[in-house]
C-alpha atoms as a PDB file:
ATOM      1  CA  MET A   1      49.753 249.347 178.791  1.00  0.00           C
ATOM      2  CA  ASP A   2      53.170 248.263 180.025  1.00  0.00           C
ATOM      3  CA  LEU A   3      53.797 244.566 179.426  1.00  0.00           C
ATOM      4  CA  LEU A   4      56.441 244.491 182.156  1.00  0.00           C
ATOM      5  CA  PRO A   5      55.171 244.314 185.732  1.00  0.00           C
ATOM      6  CA  ASP A   6      55.740 246.923 188.394  1.00  0.00           C
ATOM      7  CA  LEU A   7      56.462 244.722 191.399  1.00  0.00           C
ATOM      8  CA  ASP A   8      57.655 247.414 193.756  1.00  0.00           C
ATOM      9  CA  GLY A   9      56.525 246.451 197.270  1.00  0.00           C
ATOM     10  CA  ARG A  10      55.761 242.853 196.241  1.00  0.00           C
ATOM     11  CA  VAL A  11      57.474 239.709 197.495  1.00  0.00           C
ATOM     12  CA  ALA A  12      58.288 236.908 195.060  1.00  0.00           C
ATOM     13  CA  LEU A  13      59.149 233.323 195.960  1.00  0.00           C
ATOM     14  CA  VAL A  14      60.987 231.295 193.341  1.00  0.00           C
ATOM     15  CA  THR A  15      61.426 227.634 194.218  1.00  0.00           C
ATOM     16  CA  GLY A  16      64.676 226.025 193.143  1.00  0.00           C
ATOM     17  CA  ALA A  17      66.304 229.427 192.686  1.00  0.00           C
ATOM     18  CA  ALA A  18      69.897 228.722 193.675  1.00  0.00           C
ATOM     19  CA  ARG A  19      71.120 228.380 190.108  1.00  0.00           C
ATOM     20  CA  GLY A  20      69.994 227.878 186.514  1.00  0.00           C
ATOM     21  CA  LEU A  21      66.548 228.976 185.387  1.00  0.00           C
ATOM     22  CA  GLY A  22      65.335 229.620 188.927  1.00  0.00           C
ATOM     23  CA  ARG A  23      68.211 232.021 189.535  1.00  0.00           C
ATOM     24  CA  GLU A  24      67.336 233.898 186.336  1.00  0.00           C
ATOM     25  CA  PHE A  25      63.685 234.157 187.396  1.00  0.00           C
ATOM     26  CA  ALA A  26      64.785 235.596 190.740  1.00  0.00           C
ATOM     27  CA  LEU A  27      66.982 238.236 189.104  1.00  0.00           C
ATOM     28  CA  ALA A  28      64.309 239.181 186.564  1.00  0.00           C
ATOM     29  CA  LEU A  29      61.620 239.628 189.230  1.00  0.00           C
ATOM     30  CA  ALA A  30      64.012 241.698 191.321  1.00  0.00           C
ATOM     31  CA  ASP A  31      64.709 243.871 188.289  1.00  0.00           C
ATOM     32  CA  CYS A  32      60.969 244.639 188.271  1.00  0.00           C
ATOM     33  CA  GLY A  33      61.131 245.768 191.915  1.00  0.00           C
ATOM     34  CA  ALA A  34      60.169 242.642 193.859  1.00  0.00           C
ATOM     35  CA  ASP A  35      61.871 241.509 197.025  1.00  0.00           C
ATOM     36  CA  VAL A  36      62.829 237.886 196.444  1.00  0.00           C
ATOM     37  CA  ALA A  37      62.813 234.721 198.520  1.00  0.00           C
ATOM     38  CA  VAL A  38      65.470 232.490 196.977  1.00  0.00           C
ATOM     39  CA  HIS A  39      64.450 228.935 197.787  1.00  0.00           C
ATOM     40  CA  TYR A  40      66.821 225.985 197.840  1.00  0.00           C
ATOM     41  CA  ASN A  41      66.917 222.491 199.285  1.00  0.00           C
ATOM     42  CA  THR A  42      70.590 221.546 199.441  1.00  0.00           C
ATOM     43  CA  SER A  43      72.462 224.193 197.400  1.00  0.00           C
ATOM     44  CA  GLY A  44      72.897 226.672 200.227  1.00  0.00           C
ATOM     45  CA  GLU A  45      76.066 228.397 199.068  1.00  0.00           C
ATOM     46  CA  ALA A  46      74.738 228.955 195.547  1.00  0.00           C
ATOM     47  CA  ALA A  47      71.417 230.243 196.923  1.00  0.00           C
ATOM     48  CA  ARG A  48      73.156 232.755 199.164  1.00  0.00           C
ATOM     49  CA  GLU A  49      75.230 233.933 196.209  1.00  0.00           C
ATOM     50  CA  THR A  50      72.056 234.378 194.157  1.00  0.00           C
ATOM     51  CA  ALA A  51      70.404 236.322 196.982  1.00  0.00           C
ATOM     52  CA  ALA A  52      73.455 238.589 197.160  1.00  0.00           C
ATOM     53  CA  GLU A  53      73.218 239.233 193.389  1.00  0.00           C
ATOM     54  CA  VAL A  54      69.529 240.038 193.766  1.00  0.00           C
ATOM     55  CA  ARG A  55      70.255 242.557 196.526  1.00  0.00           C
ATOM     56  CA  GLU A  56      72.659 244.343 194.190  1.00  0.00           C
ATOM     57  CA  LEU A  57      69.570 245.294 192.152  1.00  0.00           C
ATOM     58  CA  GLY A  58      68.335 247.416 195.063  1.00  0.00           C
ATOM     59  CA  VAL A  59      65.749 245.093 196.576  1.00  0.00           C
ATOM     60  CA  ASP A  60      65.767 242.773 199.565  1.00  0.00           C
ATOM     61  CA  ALA A  61      66.495 239.079 199.120  1.00  0.00           C
ATOM     62  CA  GLN A  62      67.118 236.164 201.444  1.00  0.00           C
ATOM     63  CA  ALA A  63      67.874 232.482 200.879  1.00  0.00           C
ATOM     64  CA  PHE A  64      65.477 229.993 202.455  1.00  0.00           C
ATOM     65  CA  SER A  65      65.928 226.224 202.703  1.00  0.00           C
ATOM     66  CA  ALA A  66      63.070 223.705 202.609  1.00  0.00           C
ATOM     67  CA  ASP A  67      62.004 220.362 201.214  1.00  0.00           C
ATOM     68  CA  VAL A  68      58.949 221.624 199.344  1.00  0.00           C
ATOM     69  CA  THR A  69      57.498 218.130 199.038  1.00  0.00           C
ATOM     70  CA  ASP A  70      56.770 218.122 202.790  1.00  0.00           C
ATOM     71  CA  PRO A  71      53.653 220.099 203.817  1.00  0.00           C
ATOM     72  CA  THR A  72      54.998 220.918 207.278  1.00  0.00           C
ATOM     73  CA  LEU A  73      58.263 222.231 205.872  1.00  0.00           C
ATOM     74  CA  VAL A  74      56.405 224.229 203.215  1.00  0.00           C
ATOM     75  CA  ASP A  75      54.399 225.897 205.973  1.00  0.00           C
ATOM     76  CA  ASP A  76      57.633 226.624 207.841  1.00  0.00           C
ATOM     77  CA  LEU A  77      59.163 228.059 204.655  1.00  0.00           C
ATOM     78  CA  PHE A  78      56.329 230.510 204.114  1.00  0.00           C
ATOM     79  CA  GLY A  79      56.350 231.439 207.787  1.00  0.00           C
ATOM     80  CA  ALA A  80      60.043 232.295 207.597  1.00  0.00           C
ATOM     81  CA  ILE A  81      59.538 234.351 204.430  1.00  0.00           C
ATOM     82  CA  GLU A  82      56.638 236.238 205.983  1.00  0.00           C
ATOM     83  CA  GLU A  83      58.773 237.006 209.031  1.00  0.00           C
ATOM     84  CA  GLU A  84      61.881 238.091 207.104  1.00  0.00           C
ATOM     85  CA  LEU A  85      60.388 239.710 203.983  1.00  0.00           C
ATOM     86  CA  ASP A  86      56.547 239.817 204.013  1.00  0.00           C
ATOM     87  CA  THR A  87      53.623 237.987 202.450  1.00  0.00           C
ATOM     88  CA  VAL A  88      54.374 236.189 199.194  1.00  0.00           C
ATOM     89  CA  ASN A  89      52.547 237.925 196.320  1.00  0.00           C
ATOM     90  CA  VAL A  90      54.255 236.206 193.383  1.00  0.00           C
ATOM     91  CA  LEU A  91      54.989 232.479 193.392  1.00  0.00           C
ATOM     92  CA  VAL A  92      57.043 230.798 190.665  1.00  0.00           C
ATOM     93  CA  ASN A  93      56.884 227.016 191.055  1.00  0.00           C
ATOM     94  CA  ASN A  94      60.128 226.248 189.279  1.00  0.00           C
ATOM     95  CA  VAL A  95      61.613 223.334 191.217  1.00  0.00           C
ATOM     96  CA  GLY A  96      61.412 219.852 189.696  1.00  0.00           C
ATOM     97  CA  ASP A  97      63.654 216.833 189.177  1.00  0.00           C
ATOM     98  CA  PHE A  98      64.225 215.081 185.859  1.00  0.00           C
ATOM     99  CA  GLU A  99      65.096 211.422 185.235  1.00  0.00           C
ATOM    100  CA  PRO A 100      65.529 210.666 181.493  1.00  0.00           C
ATOM    101  CA  ILE A 101      65.727 206.883 181.618  1.00  0.00           C
ATOM    102  CA  HIS A 102      63.327 204.025 180.810  1.00  0.00           C
ATOM    103  CA  TRP A 103      60.455 203.804 183.270  1.00  0.00           C
ATOM    104  CA  GLU A 104      61.184 200.180 184.208  1.00  0.00           C
ATOM    105  CA  THR A 105      64.695 201.037 185.378  1.00  0.00           C
ATOM    106  CA  VAL A 106      63.784 204.062 187.507  1.00  0.00           C
ATOM    107  CA  GLU A 107      64.244 203.272 191.187  1.00  0.00           C
ATOM    108  CA  TRP A 108      60.921 203.684 192.968  1.00  0.00           C
ATOM    109  CA  SER A 109      62.387 206.230 195.402  1.00  0.00           C
ATOM    110  CA  ARG A 110      63.599 208.269 192.449  1.00  0.00           C
ATOM    111  CA  TRP A 111      60.230 207.935 190.687  1.00  0.00           C
ATOM    112  CA  ARG A 112      58.569 209.449 193.750  1.00  0.00           C
ATOM    113  CA  GLU A 113      61.139 212.252 193.931  1.00  0.00           C
ATOM    114  CA  VAL A 114      60.432 213.245 190.325  1.00  0.00           C
ATOM    115  CA  THR A 115      56.658 213.303 190.748  1.00  0.00           C
ATOM    116  CA  ALA A 116      56.856 214.931 194.176  1.00  0.00           C
ATOM    117  CA  THR A 117      59.229 217.752 193.264  1.00  0.00           C
ATOM    118  CA  ASN A 118      57.386 218.606 190.051  1.00  0.00           C
ATOM    119  CA  TYR A 119      53.734 218.095 190.973  1.00  0.00           C
ATOM    120  CA  GLU A 120      53.295 217.837 194.738  1.00  0.00           C
ATOM    121  CA  ALA A 121      55.631 220.755 195.457  1.00  0.00           C
ATOM    122  CA  THR A 122      53.612 222.909 193.049  1.00  0.00           C
ATOM    123  CA  VAL A 123      50.385 222.012 194.825  1.00  0.00           C
ATOM    124  CA  LEU A 124      51.776 222.444 198.341  1.00  0.00           C
ATOM    125  CA  CYS A 125      53.418 225.822 197.702  1.00  0.00           C
ATOM    126  CA  SER A 126      50.373 227.143 195.839  1.00  0.00           C
ATOM    127  CA  ARG A 127      48.012 225.991 198.593  1.00  0.00           C
ATOM    128  CA  ARG A 128      50.094 227.698 201.276  1.00  0.00           C
ATOM    129  CA  ALA A 129      50.378 230.910 199.242  1.00  0.00           C
ATOM    130  CA  LEU A 130      46.660 231.198 198.526  1.00  0.00           C
ATOM    131  CA  ALA A 131      45.170 232.376 201.826  1.00  0.00           C
ATOM    132  CA  PRO A 132      47.473 235.416 202.162  1.00  0.00           C
ATOM    133  CA  MET A 133      46.992 236.225 198.466  1.00  0.00           C
ATOM    134  CA  ARG A 134      43.227 236.065 198.857  1.00  0.00           C
ATOM    135  CA  GLU A 135      43.383 238.279 201.931  1.00  0.00           C
ATOM    136  CA  ALA A 136      45.554 240.799 200.081  1.00  0.00           C
ATOM    137  CA  GLY A 137      43.286 240.713 197.019  1.00  0.00           C
ATOM    138  CA  TRP A 138      46.193 240.177 194.610  1.00  0.00           C
ATOM    139  CA  GLY A 139      48.435 237.329 193.594  1.00  0.00           C
ATOM    140  CA  ARG A 140      50.306 235.770 190.707  1.00  0.00           C
ATOM    141  CA  ILE A 141      51.195 232.086 190.479  1.00  0.00           C
ATOM    142  CA  ILE A 142      53.306 230.811 187.584  1.00  0.00           C
ATOM    143  CA  ASN A 143      53.877 227.073 187.239  1.00  0.00           C
ATOM    144  CA  ILE A 144      56.556 225.513 185.076  1.00  0.00           C
ATOM    145  CA  GLY A 145      55.146 222.798 182.834  1.00  0.00           C
ATOM    146  CA  TYR A 146      56.490 220.969 179.816  1.00  0.00           C
ATOM    147  CA  ALA A 147      55.637 221.580 176.164  1.00  0.00           C
ATOM    148  CA  SER A 148      52.795 219.362 174.897  1.00  0.00           C
ATOM    149  CA  ALA A 149      52.226 217.707 178.279  1.00  0.00           C
ATOM    150  CA  ASP A 150      48.626 218.895 178.038  1.00  0.00           C
ATOM    151  CA  LYS A 151      48.281 216.919 174.789  1.00  0.00           C
ATOM    152  CA  GLY A 152      49.016 213.621 176.484  1.00  0.00           C
ATOM    153  CA  LEU A 153      52.692 213.540 175.554  1.00  0.00           C
ATOM    154  CA  VAL A 154      54.211 210.335 176.917  1.00  0.00           C
ATOM    155  CA  SER A 155      57.254 208.185 176.385  1.00  0.00           C
ATOM    156  CA  PRO A 156      58.723 205.087 178.079  1.00  0.00           C
ATOM    157  CA  LYS A 157      61.755 207.305 178.756  1.00  0.00           C
ATOM    158  CA  ASN A 158      61.246 209.880 181.532  1.00  0.00           C
ATOM    159  CA  PHE A 159      57.626 208.826 182.067  1.00  0.00           C
ATOM    160  CA  PRO A 160      57.314 210.030 185.711  1.00  0.00           C
ATOM    161  CA  TYR A 161      58.282 213.532 184.581  1.00  0.00           C
ATOM    162  CA  PHE A 162      55.586 213.596 181.876  1.00  0.00           C
ATOM    163  CA  VAL A 163      52.984 212.394 184.367  1.00  0.00           C
ATOM    164  CA  ALA A 164      53.967 215.095 186.864  1.00  0.00           C
ATOM    165  CA  LYS A 165      53.968 217.906 184.314  1.00  0.00           C
ATOM    166  CA  THR A 166      50.551 216.849 182.996  1.00  0.00           C
ATOM    167  CA  GLY A 167      49.322 217.100 186.580  1.00  0.00           C
ATOM    168  CA  VAL A 168      50.879 220.560 186.910  1.00  0.00           C
ATOM    169  CA  LEU A 169      48.949 221.810 183.879  1.00  0.00           C
ATOM    170  CA  MET A 170      45.673 220.274 185.099  1.00  0.00           C
ATOM    171  CA  PHE A 171      46.256 221.863 188.499  1.00  0.00           C
ATOM    172  CA  THR A 172      46.935 225.223 186.829  1.00  0.00           C
ATOM    173  CA  ARG A 173      43.565 225.175 185.081  1.00  0.00           C
ATOM    174  CA  MET A 174      41.711 224.061 188.212  1.00  0.00           C
ATOM    175  CA  LEU A 175      43.328 226.684 190.428  1.00  0.00           C
ATOM    176  CA  ALA A 176      42.616 229.418 187.901  1.00  0.00           C
ATOM    177  CA  ALA A 177      38.933 228.513 188.045  1.00  0.00           C
ATOM    178  CA  ASP A 178      39.019 228.417 191.845  1.00  0.00           C
ATOM    179  CA  THR A 179      40.519 231.917 192.168  1.00  0.00           C
ATOM    180  CA  GLN A 180      38.385 233.860 189.709  1.00  0.00           C
ATOM    181  CA  ALA A 181      36.907 236.080 192.417  1.00  0.00           C
ATOM    182  CA  ASP A 182      40.183 236.775 194.217  1.00  0.00           C
ATOM    183  CA  ASN A 183      42.192 238.897 191.744  1.00  0.00           C
ATOM    184  CA  ILE A 184      44.685 236.036 191.573  1.00  0.00           C
ATOM    185  CA  THR A 185      45.900 234.618 188.287  1.00  0.00           C
ATOM    186  CA  VAL A 186      47.415 231.173 187.825  1.00  0.00           C
ATOM    187  CA  ASN A 187      49.249 230.370 184.610  1.00  0.00           C
ATOM    188  CA  ALA A 188      51.926 228.074 183.241  1.00  0.00           C
ATOM    189  CA  VAL A 189      55.049 228.472 181.164  1.00  0.00           C
ATOM    190  CA  SER A 190      56.055 225.254 179.414  1.00  0.00           C
ATOM    191  CA  PRO A 191      59.454 224.868 177.747  1.00  0.00           C
ATOM    192  CA  TYR A 192      60.587 222.069 175.466  1.00  0.00           C
ATOM    193  CA  VAL A 193      64.392 222.052 175.716  1.00  0.00           C
ATOM    194  CA  ILE A 194      66.278 224.963 177.245  1.00  0.00           C
ATOM    195  CA  GLU A 195      69.909 225.998 177.076  1.00  0.00           C
ATOM    196  CA  SER A 196      70.772 224.312 180.393  1.00  0.00           C
ATOM    197  CA  SER A 197      68.942 221.012 179.793  1.00  0.00           C
ATOM    198  CA  ASP A 198      70.637 217.745 180.718  1.00  0.00           C
ATOM    199  CA  GLU A 199      69.984 216.204 177.300  1.00  0.00           C
ATOM    200  CA  PHE A 200      69.538 217.624 173.815  1.00  0.00           C
ATOM    201  CA  PRO A 201      67.636 216.007 170.903  1.00  0.00           C
ATOM    202  CA  GLU A 202      69.292 215.891 167.505  1.00  0.00           C
ATOM    203  CA  GLU A 203      67.343 218.817 166.057  1.00  0.00           C
ATOM    204  CA  ALA A 204      66.497 222.135 167.676  1.00  0.00           C
ATOM    205  CA  PRO A 205      63.362 224.069 166.660  1.00  0.00           C
ATOM    206  CA  ARG A 206      64.374 227.231 164.777  1.00  0.00           C
ATOM    207  CA  GLY A 207      67.975 226.102 164.970  1.00  0.00           C
ATOM    208  CA  ARG A 208      68.465 226.748 168.687  1.00  0.00           C
ATOM    209  CA  TRP A 209      67.277 225.808 172.140  1.00  0.00           C
ATOM    210  CA  ALA A 210      65.166 228.080 174.325  1.00  0.00           C
ATOM    211  CA  THR A 211      67.154 230.611 176.311  1.00  0.00           C
ATOM    212  CA  TYR A 212      66.453 231.776 179.836  1.00  0.00           C
ATOM    213  CA  ASP A 213      65.175 235.045 178.368  1.00  0.00           C
ATOM    214  CA  ASP A 214      62.653 233.136 176.255  1.00  0.00           C
ATOM    215  CA  LEU A 215      61.115 231.813 179.493  1.00  0.00           C
ATOM    216  CA  ILE A 216      61.479 234.993 181.519  1.00  0.00           C
ATOM    217  CA  ALA A 217      59.442 237.035 179.013  1.00  0.00           C
ATOM    218  CA  PRO A 218      56.101 235.185 179.435  1.00  0.00           C
ATOM    219  CA  THR A 219      56.683 234.817 183.181  1.00  0.00           C
ATOM    220  CA  LEU A 220      57.013 238.572 183.638  1.00  0.00           C
ATOM    221  CA  PHE A 221      54.058 239.136 181.301  1.00  0.00           C
ATOM    222  CA  PHE A 222      51.852 236.935 183.483  1.00  0.00           C
ATOM    223  CA  CYS A 223      52.824 239.117 186.460  1.00  0.00           C
ATOM    224  CA  SER A 224      51.878 242.339 184.678  1.00  0.00           C
ATOM    225  CA  ASP A 225      48.635 244.319 184.726  1.00  0.00           C
ATOM    226  CA  ALA A 226      48.353 243.641 180.993  1.00  0.00           C
ATOM    227  CA  ALA A 227      47.759 239.958 181.814  1.00  0.00           C
ATOM    228  CA  SER A 228      45.280 240.514 184.650  1.00  0.00           C
ATOM    229  CA  TYR A 229      42.459 238.828 182.679  1.00  0.00           C
ATOM    230  CA  LEU A 230      44.561 235.811 181.704  1.00  0.00           C
ATOM    231  CA  SER A 231      44.320 232.846 184.033  1.00  0.00           C
ATOM    232  CA  GLY A 232      44.528 229.124 183.444  1.00  0.00           C
ATOM    233  CA  GLU A 233      46.660 229.736 180.374  1.00  0.00           C
ATOM    234  CA  ASN A 234      49.759 227.868 179.265  1.00  0.00           C
ATOM    235  CA  ILE A 235      52.424 229.415 177.065  1.00  0.00           C
ATOM    236  CA  GLU A 236      54.542 226.773 175.356  1.00  0.00           C
ATOM    237  CA  VAL A 237      58.082 228.013 174.799  1.00  0.00           C
ATOM    238  CA  ASP A 238      59.053 225.428 172.204  1.00  0.00           C
ATOM    239  CA  GLY A 239      59.913 227.254 168.984  1.00  0.00           C
ATOM    240  CA  GLY A 240      56.935 225.673 167.227  1.00  0.00           C
ATOM    241  CA  TRP A 241      57.965 222.112 168.033  1.00  0.00           C
ATOM    242  CA  LEU A 242      55.517 219.383 166.974  1.00  0.00           C
ATOM    243  CA  PRO A 243      56.053 216.262 169.096  1.00  0.00           C
ATOM    244  CA  GLU A 244      55.308 213.627 166.462  1.00  0.00           C
ATOM    245  CA  THR A 245      57.926 211.525 168.192  1.00  0.00           C
ATOM    246  CA  VAL A 246      59.503 211.872 171.617  1.00  0.00           C
END
C-alpha cells in the first residue's frame, strides 16, 4: 500500500500558509495532486507568491484572507474556498502564535491571541469543515500540536502556548471519536523545535532540529489510504526528546 496519498481531485486548506511550515505543507499537498487554499491573515503578498508556486505544480491554488479566530470570518473563508475551488477535503490547522516570555509579563491581549490562534482557530476551522466532509463521506484533518503537551508539559515561560496546544490534542482525540462513522480521520503532528523556530535550546535531539520534511512526512501519511484506520493519534516529531526540564 502506498504511504503517500493520492489527492487528485481533493481540495486542501492549510491555515497560515503564506510562508514557513504552512507554505511547505501547501506545496507538499499540491505535489500529491490536491488543489490548495493558501490561507493568510495579513501576509497577502507572501500568500499570493505561495499560491503561484503551488500552481506551478499543475494544480489550482488561490490565496484567501481571514481571521480564523472569528467564527463569522471562518464561515466566510470556507464559503469563498467552496466558490473558487470546491469543498475542503483536507484541513491542516497550522496557524498559531508563539510568545516565549514569562506568563506574568504577557499582555492580556497577546495571551488571548496565542490561545485563540492555536486552539480556537483549530476548533472553528474543523467545525466548519465537518459538515461538507461528512456529506462527502471522506475527510482528513491534521492539527499541529507540540511535543509532550499531552503529558502536561508546562513552564512559566510561554504558558499560554502550552495551554493551547494541550487543548488542541484533547480536541483531536474528541473529534476522532465523534467522526468514527464518517470516514473522516483527525490526527495531530507535534514538533518540538523546528528549523524555523524563533528560539533554540542549547541542545538539539540527535544533533539537529526538525526539518520541514520531518513534519511533512507524517502529515502526508495521515492523508493516505494506509492511515485510514488511524484517528485520534499524535505523532511527536521530536527526535526522541525527553522533557525533563523545559
